[in-house]
Amino acid sequence: MQARINSLFESIQGEGEYVGKRQIFIRFFGCNLNCVFCDTKLKYYKIYTPLQVRKKINKFKIKSVSLTGGEPLCQVEFLKDFLPFLKKDDFKLYLETNGTLYENLKKIIKFIDVISMDLKLESSTGMRKSFWYEHQNFFDIGRKKEIFFKTVITLSTSFNDIKKLAEFLLDKKKILYLQPDTNVLSKNLIKKCLKIQKYLNEKNIEARILPQVHKFLKLR
């Protein structure tokens, strides 16, 4: 089994609950979605076997691996072969995902420690499609592990979508990170994030505003 991987590197986590933590990043090539705000529209990749990636990973002194992309679950057959090696080597596995490929998550959930799950809002992504059904099924599988939510807020994010977001989150008791779109960061966008945060907090949903820290630090 082989995987298409764009890059493999060490850096700090720039988003969500583990921001600032040093991790090894495996950036998988390819995604099942095409969000307008995507900051990783990858153009190239190299082919790796599980053994080749394992050797590279073990050269680092860190025991935390972020599976990122693209969308890692697009290459779930590779992950099924590869992740047992990482667990054997005592790595903590952190999955960054768009939270839609729930059938694929089932195949590897036993290996995952932490899930950073994006919630894709129709008005933000530009895809004219909502994913609440997929997100709910994904959460039902992933809830047995440590999990938190992220959603990108853009100038086009509608309040109707925020209402749907609140309905989805209301019974889940998990933290939501509001991530202002780095591509169009402005005073108006920050003001919008603050308004959304207040609305969600008033519904007893813990929402935190956190931009992509690694972008401010000019890191990968």
N, C-alpha and C. Protein backbone atom coordinates (compact mmCIF):
# COMPACT_ATOMS: atom_id res chain seq x y z
N MET A 1 0.83 -1.19 0.00
CA MET A 1 0.00 0.00 0.00
C MET A 1 0.87 1.25 0.00
N GLN A 2 0.47 2.25 -0.79
CA GLN A 2 1.23 3.48 -0.91
C GLN A 2 0.32 4.69 -0.68
N ALA A 3 0.95 5.82 -0.37
CA ALA A 3 0.19 7.05 -0.15
C ALA A 3 0.79 8.18 -0.96
N ARG A 4 -0.06 9.13 -1.33
CA ARG A 4 0.38 10.37 -1.95
C ARG A 4 0.54 11.40 -0.83
N ILE A 5 1.77 11.80 -0.58
CA ILE A 5 2.07 12.72 0.52
C ILE A 5 2.77 13.95 -0.03
N ASN A 6 2.26 15.11 0.34
CA ASN A 6 2.83 16.37 -0.13
C ASN A 6 4.10 16.73 0.62
N SER A 7 4.07 16.56 1.95
CA SER A 7 5.24 16.93 2.76
C SER A 7 5.18 16.26 4.12
N LEU A 8 6.34 16.19 4.74
CA LEU A 8 6.48 15.61 6.07
C LEU A 8 7.49 16.47 6.81
N PHE A 9 7.06 17.10 7.91
CA PHE A 9 7.92 18.09 8.55
C PHE A 9 7.56 18.26 10.02
N GLU A 10 8.42 18.94 10.75
CA GLU A 10 8.19 19.27 12.15
C GLU A 10 7.87 20.75 12.27
N SER A 11 6.86 21.08 13.07
CA SER A 11 6.51 22.48 13.30
C SER A 11 5.64 22.54 14.55
N ILE A 12 4.98 23.70 14.76
CA ILE A 12 4.02 23.80 15.86
C ILE A 12 2.61 23.74 15.31
N GLN A 13 1.71 23.19 16.11
CA GLN A 13 0.31 23.18 15.73
C GLN A 13 -0.23 24.62 15.81
N GLY A 14 -0.85 25.07 14.73
CA GLY A 14 -1.28 26.46 14.66
C GLY A 14 -2.76 26.68 14.84
N GLU A 15 -3.52 25.61 15.08
CA GLU A 15 -4.98 25.74 15.15
C GLU A 15 -5.55 24.92 16.31
N GLY A 16 -6.65 25.40 16.85
CA GLY A 16 -7.43 24.58 17.78
C GLY A 16 -6.84 24.35 19.15
N GLU A 17 -7.27 23.27 19.78
CA GLU A 17 -7.00 22.96 21.17
C GLU A 17 -5.51 22.81 21.49
N TYR A 18 -4.73 22.34 20.52
CA TYR A 18 -3.31 22.05 20.76
C TYR A 18 -2.38 23.10 20.17
N VAL A 19 -2.88 24.30 19.98
CA VAL A 19 -2.08 25.36 19.36
C VAL A 19 -0.79 25.57 20.16
N GLY A 20 0.32 25.67 19.43
CA GLY A 20 1.63 25.88 20.05
C GLY A 20 2.40 24.60 20.32
N LYS A 21 1.72 23.45 20.26
CA LYS A 21 2.38 22.18 20.55
C LYS A 21 3.23 21.75 19.36
N ARG A 22 4.42 21.27 19.63
CA ARG A 22 5.28 20.78 18.56
C ARG A 22 4.77 19.41 18.10
N GLN A 23 4.68 19.26 16.80
CA GLN A 23 4.20 18.02 16.22
C GLN A 23 4.97 17.69 14.94
N ILE A 24 4.88 16.44 14.56
CA ILE A 24 5.32 16.01 13.23
C ILE A 24 4.08 16.02 12.35
N PHE A 25 4.16 16.67 11.21
CA PHE A 25 3.02 16.80 10.32
C PHE A 25 3.22 15.92 9.08
N ILE A 26 2.24 15.08 8.81
CA ILE A 26 2.19 14.33 7.55
C ILE A 26 1.06 14.93 6.72
N ARG A 27 1.43 15.67 5.68
CA ARG A 27 0.42 16.35 4.87
C ARG A 27 0.05 15.48 3.66
N PHE A 28 -1.12 14.89 3.73
CA PHE A 28 -1.59 14.02 2.66
C PHE A 28 -2.15 14.84 1.50
N PHE A 29 -1.91 14.34 0.30
CA PHE A 29 -2.35 15.03 -0.92
C PHE A 29 -3.78 14.60 -1.26
N GLY A 30 -4.60 15.57 -1.65
CA GLY A 30 -5.95 15.26 -2.12
C GLY A 30 -7.02 15.49 -1.07
N CYS A 31 -8.18 15.92 -1.54
CA CYS A 31 -9.31 16.18 -0.65
C CYS A 31 -10.61 15.91 -1.40
N ASN A 32 -11.64 15.52 -0.67
CA ASN A 32 -12.96 15.27 -1.28
C ASN A 32 -13.79 16.53 -1.38
N LEU A 33 -13.30 17.65 -0.81
CA LEU A 33 -14.02 18.92 -0.87
C LEU A 33 -13.17 19.96 -1.59
N ASN A 34 -13.79 21.12 -1.85
CA ASN A 34 -13.08 22.20 -2.54
C ASN A 34 -13.55 23.54 -1.98
N CYS A 35 -13.17 23.82 -0.73
CA CYS A 35 -13.61 25.04 -0.06
C CYS A 35 -12.89 26.26 -0.64
N VAL A 36 -13.62 27.35 -0.80
CA VAL A 36 -13.03 28.54 -1.42
C VAL A 36 -11.91 29.13 -0.55
N PHE A 37 -11.97 28.91 0.76
CA PHE A 37 -10.97 29.49 1.66
C PHE A 37 -9.77 28.57 1.88
N CYS A 38 -9.72 27.44 1.21
CA CYS A 38 -8.66 26.46 1.44
C CYS A 38 -7.27 27.10 1.30
N ASP A 39 -6.42 26.87 2.30
CA ASP A 39 -5.06 27.41 2.27
C ASP A 39 -4.02 26.34 1.94
N THR A 40 -4.51 25.15 1.57
CA THR A 40 -3.57 24.07 1.21
C THR A 40 -4.01 23.41 -0.10
N LYS A 41 -4.16 24.20 -1.12
CA LYS A 41 -4.47 23.65 -2.45
C LYS A 41 -3.16 23.09 -3.01
N LEU A 42 -2.93 21.82 -2.74
CA LEU A 42 -1.64 21.20 -3.02
C LEU A 42 -1.50 20.86 -4.50
N LYS A 43 -0.28 21.02 -5.02
CA LYS A 43 -0.04 20.82 -6.45
C LYS A 43 0.90 19.66 -6.74
N TYR A 44 1.53 19.10 -5.72
CA TYR A 44 2.48 18.01 -5.99
C TYR A 44 2.50 17.04 -4.82
N TYR A 45 3.03 15.86 -5.07
CA TYR A 45 3.14 14.86 -4.01
C TYR A 45 4.24 13.87 -4.39
N LYS A 46 4.65 13.10 -3.37
CA LYS A 46 5.56 11.98 -3.57
C LYS A 46 4.86 10.72 -3.08
N ILE A 47 5.24 9.61 -3.65
CA ILE A 47 4.67 8.32 -3.25
C ILE A 47 5.52 7.71 -2.14
N TYR A 48 4.84 7.29 -1.06
CA TYR A 48 5.53 6.67 0.07
C TYR A 48 4.84 5.35 0.44
N THR A 49 5.64 4.41 0.92
CA THR A 49 5.11 3.21 1.54
C THR A 49 5.03 3.43 3.05
N PRO A 50 4.27 2.62 3.78
CA PRO A 50 4.24 2.76 5.24
C PRO A 50 5.62 2.69 5.88
N LEU A 51 6.46 1.80 5.39
CA LEU A 51 7.81 1.65 5.97
C LEU A 51 8.65 2.90 5.75
N GLN A 52 8.55 3.50 4.57
CA GLN A 52 9.31 4.71 4.28
C GLN A 52 8.91 5.87 5.19
N VAL A 53 7.61 6.02 5.40
CA VAL A 53 7.14 7.10 6.29
C VAL A 53 7.54 6.81 7.72
N ARG A 54 7.44 5.56 8.13
CA ARG A 54 7.81 5.18 9.49
C ARG A 54 9.27 5.54 9.78
N LYS A 55 10.15 5.25 8.83
CA LYS A 55 11.57 5.56 9.02
C LYS A 55 11.79 7.06 9.16
N LYS A 56 11.09 7.86 8.35
CA LYS A 56 11.24 9.31 8.42
C LYS A 56 10.71 9.85 9.75
N ILE A 57 9.57 9.34 10.17
CA ILE A 57 8.94 9.81 11.42
C ILE A 57 9.85 9.54 12.62
N ASN A 58 10.46 8.38 12.64
CA ASN A 58 11.28 7.99 13.79
C ASN A 58 12.61 8.73 13.89
N LYS A 59 12.93 9.56 12.90
CA LYS A 59 14.13 10.38 12.97
C LYS A 59 13.91 11.61 13.85
N PHE A 60 12.63 11.96 14.08
CA PHE A 60 12.32 13.10 14.92
C PHE A 60 12.33 12.69 16.39
N LYS A 61 12.39 13.68 17.28
CA LYS A 61 12.42 13.41 18.72
C LYS A 61 11.05 13.66 19.36
N ILE A 62 10.03 13.84 18.53
CA ILE A 62 8.69 14.16 19.01
C ILE A 62 7.80 12.93 18.88
N LYS A 63 6.86 12.77 19.82
CA LYS A 63 5.97 11.61 19.80
C LYS A 63 4.52 11.99 19.53
N SER A 64 4.32 13.10 18.84
CA SER A 64 2.97 13.54 18.46
C SER A 64 2.93 13.76 16.96
N VAL A 65 2.03 13.06 16.27
CA VAL A 65 1.94 13.13 14.82
C VAL A 65 0.58 13.69 14.42
N SER A 66 0.59 14.71 13.58
CA SER A 66 -0.64 15.26 13.02
C SER A 66 -0.84 14.72 11.61
N LEU A 67 -1.95 14.05 11.39
CA LEU A 67 -2.35 13.58 10.07
C LEU A 67 -3.20 14.68 9.47
N THR A 68 -2.67 15.35 8.44
CA THR A 68 -3.35 16.52 7.92
C THR A 68 -3.36 16.47 6.40
N GLY A 69 -3.79 17.52 5.77
CA GLY A 69 -3.90 17.47 4.31
C GLY A 69 -4.07 18.84 3.70
N GLY A 70 -4.87 18.83 2.63
CA GLY A 70 -5.79 17.82 2.10
C GLY A 70 -6.67 17.18 3.17
N GLU A 71 -7.15 15.98 2.83
CA GLU A 71 -7.98 15.20 3.74
C GLU A 71 -7.36 13.82 3.91
N PRO A 72 -6.77 13.53 5.07
CA PRO A 72 -6.10 12.24 5.29
C PRO A 72 -6.99 11.03 5.04
N LEU A 73 -8.28 11.15 5.37
CA LEU A 73 -9.17 10.00 5.25
C LEU A 73 -9.47 9.61 3.81
N CYS A 74 -9.07 10.43 2.86
CA CYS A 74 -9.18 10.04 1.45
C CYS A 74 -8.24 8.87 1.13
N GLN A 75 -7.23 8.66 1.98
CA GLN A 75 -6.26 7.59 1.78
C GLN A 75 -6.32 6.60 2.94
N VAL A 76 -7.53 6.23 3.29
CA VAL A 76 -7.75 5.41 4.49
C VAL A 76 -7.14 4.02 4.38
N GLU A 77 -7.03 3.46 3.19
CA GLU A 77 -6.45 2.11 3.05
C GLU A 77 -4.98 2.13 3.43
N PHE A 78 -4.30 3.21 3.07
CA PHE A 78 -2.91 3.38 3.51
C PHE A 78 -2.86 3.53 5.02
N LEU A 79 -3.74 4.34 5.58
CA LEU A 79 -3.75 4.57 7.02
C LEU A 79 -3.99 3.28 7.79
N LYS A 80 -4.82 2.41 7.27
CA LYS A 80 -5.08 1.13 7.93
C LYS A 80 -3.80 0.31 8.07
N ASP A 81 -2.93 0.39 7.08
CA ASP A 81 -1.66 -0.33 7.13
C ASP A 81 -0.60 0.41 7.95
N PHE A 82 -0.65 1.73 7.89
CA PHE A 82 0.42 2.56 8.45
C PHE A 82 0.25 2.87 9.94
N LEU A 83 -0.95 3.18 10.38
CA LEU A 83 -1.15 3.64 11.75
C LEU A 83 -0.79 2.60 12.81
N PRO A 84 -0.98 1.30 12.58
CA PRO A 84 -0.52 0.33 13.59
C PRO A 84 0.97 0.45 13.89
N PHE A 85 1.79 0.82 12.89
CA PHE A 85 3.22 1.02 13.12
C PHE A 85 3.44 2.18 14.09
N LEU A 86 2.70 3.28 13.88
CA LEU A 86 2.88 4.45 14.74
C LEU A 86 2.45 4.16 16.17
N LYS A 87 1.37 3.41 16.33
CA LYS A 87 0.94 3.07 17.69
C LYS A 87 1.96 2.15 18.35
N LYS A 88 2.53 1.25 17.58
CA LYS A 88 3.58 0.36 18.11
C LYS A 88 4.79 1.16 18.55
N ASP A 89 5.07 2.27 17.83
CA ASP A 89 6.20 3.14 18.17
C ASP A 89 5.83 4.19 19.21
N ASP A 90 4.65 4.08 19.77
CA ASP A 90 4.20 4.92 20.90
C ASP A 90 3.97 6.38 20.53
N PHE A 91 3.44 6.62 19.33
CA PHE A 91 3.08 7.98 18.93
C PHE A 91 1.64 8.29 19.31
N LYS A 92 1.40 9.56 19.67
CA LYS A 92 0.04 10.05 19.86
C LYS A 92 -0.44 10.59 18.51
N LEU A 93 -1.60 10.13 18.06
CA LEU A 93 -2.08 10.44 16.72
C LEU A 93 -3.22 11.46 16.75
N TYR A 94 -3.01 12.50 15.99
CA TYR A 94 -3.90 13.67 15.95
C TYR A 94 -4.41 13.78 14.52
N LEU A 95 -5.71 13.65 14.33
CA LEU A 95 -6.32 13.68 13.00
C LEU A 95 -6.96 15.03 12.74
N GLU A 96 -6.50 15.71 11.69
CA GLU A 96 -7.13 16.94 11.23
C GLU A 96 -7.99 16.59 10.02
N THR A 97 -9.30 16.84 10.12
CA THR A 97 -10.21 16.31 9.11
C THR A 97 -11.38 17.26 8.86
N ASN A 98 -11.96 17.15 7.66
CA ASN A 98 -13.14 17.96 7.36
C ASN A 98 -14.43 17.32 7.89
N GLY A 99 -14.30 16.16 8.53
CA GLY A 99 -15.43 15.58 9.24
C GLY A 99 -16.58 15.12 8.37
N THR A 100 -16.29 14.64 7.16
CA THR A 100 -17.37 14.18 6.28
C THR A 100 -17.27 12.68 5.93
N LEU A 101 -16.08 12.11 5.96
CA LEU A 101 -15.88 10.73 5.51
C LEU A 101 -16.01 9.76 6.69
N TYR A 102 -17.21 9.66 7.21
CA TYR A 102 -17.43 8.88 8.43
C TYR A 102 -17.22 7.38 8.23
N GLU A 103 -17.52 6.87 7.05
CA GLU A 103 -17.29 5.44 6.79
C GLU A 103 -15.80 5.12 6.85
N ASN A 104 -14.99 6.04 6.38
CA ASN A 104 -13.54 5.84 6.44
C ASN A 104 -13.01 5.97 7.86
N LEU A 105 -13.61 6.87 8.63
CA LEU A 105 -13.19 7.03 10.03
C LEU A 105 -13.38 5.73 10.80
N LYS A 106 -14.45 5.01 10.52
CA LYS A 106 -14.73 3.75 11.20
C LYS A 106 -13.54 2.79 11.09
N LYS A 107 -12.85 2.84 9.97
CA LYS A 107 -11.78 1.88 9.69
C LYS A 107 -10.51 2.13 10.51
N ILE A 108 -10.36 3.35 11.02
CA ILE A 108 -9.10 3.67 11.72
C ILE A 108 -9.32 4.30 13.09
N ILE A 109 -10.55 4.46 13.53
CA ILE A 109 -10.83 5.20 14.76
C ILE A 109 -10.08 4.62 15.95
N LYS A 110 -9.86 3.33 15.98
CA LYS A 110 -9.19 2.72 17.14
C LYS A 110 -7.75 3.18 17.31
N PHE A 111 -7.16 3.73 16.25
CA PHE A 111 -5.77 4.18 16.33
C PHE A 111 -5.65 5.66 16.70
N ILE A 112 -6.73 6.42 16.57
CA ILE A 112 -6.68 7.87 16.73
C ILE A 112 -6.86 8.27 18.19
N ASP A 113 -6.08 9.27 18.61
CA ASP A 113 -6.18 9.79 19.98
C ASP A 113 -6.98 11.09 20.05
N VAL A 114 -6.74 12.00 19.10
CA VAL A 114 -7.39 13.32 19.11
C VAL A 114 -7.93 13.61 17.71
N ILE A 115 -9.14 14.18 17.66
CA ILE A 115 -9.75 14.57 16.39
C ILE A 115 -10.02 16.07 16.38
N SER A 116 -9.42 16.75 15.42
CA SER A 116 -9.73 18.15 15.15
C SER A 116 -10.68 18.16 13.97
N MET A 117 -11.96 18.39 14.25
CA MET A 117 -13.02 18.20 13.25
C MET A 117 -13.55 19.54 12.75
N ASP A 118 -13.37 19.80 11.47
CA ASP A 118 -13.92 21.00 10.85
C ASP A 118 -15.42 20.84 10.64
N LEU A 119 -16.15 21.92 10.83
CA LEU A 119 -17.56 21.98 10.49
C LEU A 119 -17.68 22.92 9.30
N LYS A 120 -18.16 22.38 8.19
CA LYS A 120 -18.19 23.12 6.94
C LYS A 120 -19.54 23.81 6.74
N LEU A 121 -19.53 25.13 6.79
CA LEU A 121 -20.76 25.90 6.61
C LEU A 121 -20.95 26.21 5.13
N GLU A 122 -22.16 26.00 4.66
CA GLU A 122 -22.45 26.17 3.23
C GLU A 122 -22.08 27.56 2.73
N SER A 123 -22.42 28.58 3.50
CA SER A 123 -22.16 29.95 3.06
C SER A 123 -20.68 30.32 3.13
N SER A 124 -19.90 29.57 3.91
CA SER A 124 -18.46 29.84 4.03
C SER A 124 -17.66 29.13 2.94
N THR A 125 -18.04 27.89 2.63
CA THR A 125 -17.24 27.06 1.74
C THR A 125 -17.38 27.42 0.27
N GLY A 126 -18.53 28.00 -0.10
CA GLY A 126 -18.78 28.30 -1.51
C GLY A 126 -19.21 27.10 -2.32
N MET A 127 -19.55 25.99 -1.64
CA MET A 127 -19.90 24.76 -2.36
C MET A 127 -21.40 24.55 -2.52
N ARG A 128 -22.21 25.42 -1.94
CA ARG A 128 -23.67 25.34 -2.05
C ARG A 128 -24.19 23.98 -1.59
N LYS A 129 -23.60 23.50 -0.53
CA LYS A 129 -24.01 22.22 0.04
C LYS A 129 -23.72 22.23 1.52
N SER A 130 -24.64 21.67 2.30
CA SER A 130 -24.41 21.52 3.73
C SER A 130 -23.99 20.09 4.04
N PHE A 131 -23.33 19.90 5.19
CA PHE A 131 -22.78 18.59 5.54
C PHE A 131 -23.23 18.14 6.93
N TRP A 132 -24.37 18.62 7.39
CA TRP A 132 -24.79 18.30 8.76
C TRP A 132 -25.02 16.80 8.95
N TYR A 133 -25.54 16.13 7.96
CA TYR A 133 -25.76 14.67 8.06
C TYR A 133 -24.41 13.97 8.21
N GLU A 134 -23.45 14.31 7.36
CA GLU A 134 -22.13 13.70 7.43
C GLU A 134 -21.43 14.04 8.75
N HIS A 135 -21.54 15.31 9.16
CA HIS A 135 -20.90 15.72 10.41
C HIS A 135 -21.47 14.97 11.61
N GLN A 136 -22.78 14.77 11.63
CA GLN A 136 -23.38 14.07 12.76
C GLN A 136 -22.91 12.62 12.82
N ASN A 137 -22.91 11.94 11.68
CA ASN A 137 -22.43 10.56 11.63
C ASN A 137 -20.95 10.47 12.02
N PHE A 138 -20.18 11.44 11.57
CA PHE A 138 -18.76 11.47 11.89
C PHE A 138 -18.56 11.63 13.40
N PHE A 139 -19.30 12.56 13.99
CA PHE A 139 -19.18 12.79 15.42
C PHE A 139 -19.61 11.56 16.22
N ASP A 140 -20.66 10.89 15.79
CA ASP A 140 -21.13 9.70 16.49
C ASP A 140 -20.06 8.62 16.58
N ILE A 141 -19.21 8.56 15.55
CA ILE A 141 -18.11 7.60 15.56
C ILE A 141 -16.92 8.14 16.35
N GLY A 142 -16.62 9.42 16.19
CA GLY A 142 -15.43 10.00 16.80
C GLY A 142 -15.58 10.41 18.25
N ARG A 143 -16.80 10.47 18.76
CA ARG A 143 -17.04 11.00 20.11
C ARG A 143 -16.38 10.18 21.21
N LYS A 144 -16.03 8.93 20.91
CA LYS A 144 -15.37 8.09 21.91
C LYS A 144 -13.92 8.52 22.16
N LYS A 145 -13.41 9.39 21.28
CA LYS A 145 -12.05 9.91 21.43
C LYS A 145 -12.09 11.39 21.83
N GLU A 146 -10.94 11.95 22.15
CA GLU A 146 -10.87 13.39 22.41
C GLU A 146 -11.17 14.11 21.09
N ILE A 147 -12.13 15.02 21.13
CA ILE A 147 -12.55 15.67 19.89
C ILE A 147 -12.96 17.11 20.17
N PHE A 148 -12.63 18.00 19.25
CA PHE A 148 -13.10 19.38 19.32
C PHE A 148 -13.41 19.84 17.90
N PHE A 149 -14.11 20.97 17.81
CA PHE A 149 -14.58 21.46 16.51
C PHE A 149 -13.88 22.75 16.11
N LYS A 150 -13.75 22.94 14.81
CA LYS A 150 -13.30 24.21 14.23
C LYS A 150 -14.25 24.56 13.09
N THR A 151 -14.44 25.85 12.86
CA THR A 151 -15.13 26.27 11.65
C THR A 151 -14.54 27.58 11.17
N VAL A 152 -14.36 27.70 9.88
CA VAL A 152 -13.80 28.92 9.29
C VAL A 152 -14.93 29.93 9.08
N ILE A 153 -14.70 31.14 9.54
CA ILE A 153 -15.66 32.22 9.35
C ILE A 153 -15.12 33.16 8.27
N THR A 154 -15.95 33.40 7.27
CA THR A 154 -15.58 34.29 6.17
C THR A 154 -16.55 35.47 6.13
N LEU A 155 -16.28 36.41 5.27
CA LEU A 155 -17.18 37.55 5.12
C LEU A 155 -18.54 37.12 4.57
N SER A 156 -18.59 35.94 3.94
CA SER A 156 -19.85 35.46 3.37
C SER A 156 -20.62 34.53 4.30
N THR A 157 -20.07 34.21 5.46
CA THR A 157 -20.76 33.33 6.40
C THR A 157 -22.10 33.95 6.81
N SER A 158 -23.17 33.20 6.63
CA SER A 158 -24.51 33.72 6.92
C SER A 158 -24.94 33.42 8.35
N PHE A 159 -25.79 34.27 8.88
CA PHE A 159 -26.30 34.04 10.23
C PHE A 159 -27.22 32.83 10.27
N ASN A 160 -27.85 32.51 9.16
CA ASN A 160 -28.68 31.31 9.08
C ASN A 160 -27.83 30.06 9.31
N ASP A 161 -26.63 30.06 8.74
CA ASP A 161 -25.71 28.93 8.96
C ASP A 161 -25.23 28.88 10.41
N ILE A 162 -25.07 30.03 11.02
CA ILE A 162 -24.65 30.07 12.43
C ILE A 162 -25.75 29.49 13.32
N LYS A 163 -27.00 29.74 12.98
CA LYS A 163 -28.12 29.14 13.73
C LYS A 163 -28.08 27.62 13.61
N LYS A 164 -27.82 27.12 12.39
CA LYS A 164 -27.72 25.67 12.19
C LYS A 164 -26.53 25.10 12.95
N LEU A 165 -25.44 25.87 12.99
CA LEU A 165 -24.26 25.47 13.74
C LEU A 165 -24.59 25.32 15.22
N ALA A 166 -25.32 26.28 15.75
CA ALA A 166 -25.70 26.24 17.16
C ALA A 166 -26.58 25.03 17.45
N GLU A 167 -27.51 24.72 16.56
CA GLU A 167 -28.38 23.55 16.73
C GLU A 167 -27.55 22.27 16.77
N PHE A 168 -26.56 22.19 15.91
CA PHE A 168 -25.69 21.01 15.86
C PHE A 168 -24.88 20.85 17.14
N LEU A 169 -24.39 21.97 17.68
CA LEU A 169 -23.47 21.93 18.81
C LEU A 169 -24.15 21.84 20.16
N LEU A 170 -25.41 22.18 20.22
CA LEU A 170 -26.08 22.42 21.50
C LEU A 170 -25.97 21.27 22.49
N ASP A 171 -26.08 20.04 22.04
CA ASP A 171 -26.06 18.89 22.96
C ASP A 171 -24.71 18.18 23.02
N LYS A 172 -23.70 18.75 22.39
CA LYS A 172 -22.43 18.02 22.26
C LYS A 172 -21.40 18.38 23.33
N LYS A 173 -21.52 19.55 23.93
CA LYS A 173 -20.64 19.95 25.04
C LYS A 173 -19.16 19.87 24.67
N LYS A 174 -18.84 20.34 23.47
CA LYS A 174 -17.46 20.38 23.00
C LYS A 174 -17.08 21.81 22.64
N ILE A 175 -15.79 22.10 22.69
CA ILE A 175 -15.32 23.44 22.35
C ILE A 175 -15.34 23.64 20.83
N LEU A 176 -15.77 24.83 20.42
CA LEU A 176 -15.72 25.23 19.02
C LEU A 176 -14.72 26.37 18.85
N TYR A 177 -13.81 26.22 17.91
CA TYR A 177 -12.86 27.28 17.59
C TYR A 177 -13.33 27.99 16.32
N LEU A 178 -13.60 29.28 16.45
CA LEU A 178 -13.97 30.11 15.31
C LEU A 178 -12.68 30.62 14.68
N GLN A 179 -12.46 30.24 13.43
CA GLN A 179 -11.20 30.57 12.76
C GLN A 179 -11.47 31.58 11.65
N PRO A 180 -11.15 32.86 11.89
CA PRO A 180 -11.35 33.84 10.81
C PRO A 180 -10.49 33.50 9.60
N ASP A 181 -11.07 33.64 8.43
CA ASP A 181 -10.38 33.32 7.18
C ASP A 181 -9.11 34.17 7.05
N THR A 182 -7.97 33.51 7.09
CA THR A 182 -6.68 34.22 7.03
C THR A 182 -6.52 34.99 5.72
N ASN A 183 -7.15 34.51 4.65
CA ASN A 183 -7.00 35.13 3.34
C ASN A 183 -7.61 36.54 3.29
N VAL A 184 -8.61 36.79 4.14
CA VAL A 184 -9.30 38.08 4.10
C VAL A 184 -9.43 38.68 5.50
N LEU A 185 -8.41 38.49 6.31
CA LEU A 185 -8.45 38.96 7.69
C LEU A 185 -8.58 40.49 7.71
N SER A 186 -9.60 40.97 8.40
CA SER A 186 -9.89 42.41 8.44
C SER A 186 -10.64 42.74 9.71
N LYS A 187 -10.79 44.03 10.00
CA LYS A 187 -11.54 44.46 11.17
C LYS A 187 -12.98 44.00 11.08
N ASN A 188 -13.56 44.07 9.88
CA ASN A 188 -14.95 43.64 9.70
C ASN A 188 -15.12 42.15 9.99
N LEU A 189 -14.15 41.35 9.58
CA LEU A 189 -14.24 39.91 9.82
C LEU A 189 -14.08 39.60 11.31
N ILE A 190 -13.16 40.26 11.97
CA ILE A 190 -13.00 40.06 13.42
C ILE A 190 -14.26 40.47 14.16
N LYS A 191 -14.86 41.59 13.74
CA LYS A 191 -16.11 42.05 14.35
C LYS A 191 -17.20 41.01 14.17
N LYS A 192 -17.23 40.40 13.01
CA LYS A 192 -18.22 39.35 12.74
C LYS A 192 -17.99 38.14 13.63
N CYS A 193 -16.74 37.76 13.80
CA CYS A 193 -16.41 36.62 14.67
C CYS A 193 -16.83 36.89 16.11
N LEU A 194 -16.62 38.11 16.57
CA LEU A 194 -17.01 38.47 17.93
C LEU A 194 -18.52 38.40 18.12
N LYS A 195 -19.24 38.82 17.11
CA LYS A 195 -20.71 38.76 17.16
C LYS A 195 -21.19 37.31 17.20
N ILE A 196 -20.57 36.47 16.38
CA ILE A 196 -20.94 35.05 16.35
C ILE A 196 -20.59 34.40 17.68
N GLN A 197 -19.42 34.73 18.22
CA GLN A 197 -19.01 34.17 19.51
C GLN A 197 -20.01 34.53 20.60
N LYS A 198 -20.44 35.77 20.65
CA LYS A 198 -21.40 36.21 21.66
C LYS A 198 -22.70 35.44 21.52
N TYR A 199 -23.18 35.27 20.31
CA TYR A 199 -24.42 34.54 20.07
C TYR A 199 -24.31 33.10 20.56
N LEU A 200 -23.20 32.44 20.25
CA LEU A 200 -23.02 31.05 20.66
C LEU A 200 -22.84 30.93 22.17
N ASN A 201 -22.06 31.84 22.75
CA ASN A 201 -21.86 31.81 24.20
C ASN A 201 -23.17 31.98 24.96
N GLU A 202 -24.05 32.81 24.44
CA GLU A 202 -25.36 33.02 25.06
C GLU A 202 -26.23 31.76 25.01
N LYS A 203 -25.86 30.83 24.13
CA LYS A 203 -26.56 29.55 24.05
C LYS A 203 -25.80 28.45 24.79
N ASN A 204 -24.87 28.87 25.63
CA ASN A 204 -24.05 27.96 26.43
C ASN A 204 -23.16 27.05 25.58
N ILE A 205 -22.73 27.56 24.44
CA ILE A 205 -21.77 26.87 23.59
C ILE A 205 -20.43 27.58 23.73
N GLU A 206 -19.42 26.86 24.15
CA GLU A 206 -18.11 27.49 24.32
C GLU A 206 -17.43 27.69 22.97
N ALA A 207 -17.39 28.92 22.53
CA ALA A 207 -16.77 29.27 21.26
C ALA A 207 -15.58 30.18 21.52
N ARG A 208 -14.45 29.85 20.95
CA ARG A 208 -13.23 30.64 21.11
C ARG A 208 -12.75 31.11 19.74
N ILE A 209 -12.34 32.35 19.67
CA ILE A 209 -11.81 32.89 18.41
C ILE A 209 -10.30 32.65 18.37
N LEU A 210 -9.86 31.98 17.32
CA LEU A 210 -8.43 31.68 17.22
C LEU A 210 -8.02 31.63 15.74
N PRO A 211 -7.28 32.62 15.27
CA PRO A 211 -6.78 32.57 13.89
C PRO A 211 -5.65 31.55 13.77
N GLN A 212 -5.18 31.34 12.57
CA GLN A 212 -4.10 30.39 12.32
C GLN A 212 -2.77 30.98 12.81
N VAL A 213 -2.35 30.54 13.99
CA VAL A 213 -1.16 31.11 14.64
C VAL A 213 0.09 30.89 13.80
N HIS A 214 0.21 29.73 13.16
CA HIS A 214 1.42 29.46 12.38
C HIS A 214 1.57 30.42 11.21
N LYS A 215 0.44 30.94 10.71
CA LYS A 215 0.52 31.91 9.61
C LYS A 215 1.11 33.23 10.10
N PHE A 216 0.72 33.64 11.31
CA PHE A 216 1.28 34.87 11.88
C PHE A 216 2.76 34.73 12.15
N LEU A 217 3.17 33.53 12.53
CA LEU A 217 4.58 33.28 12.82
C LEU A 217 5.39 32.93 11.56
N LYS A 218 4.67 32.86 10.43
CA LYS A 218 5.28 32.53 9.13
C LYS A 218 5.96 31.17 9.16
N LEU A 219 5.24 30.21 9.73
CA LEU A 219 5.71 28.84 9.78
C LEU A 219 4.86 27.97 8.86
N ARG A 220 5.33 26.76 8.61
CA ARG A 220 4.57 25.85 7.76
C ARG A 220 3.35 25.35 8.52
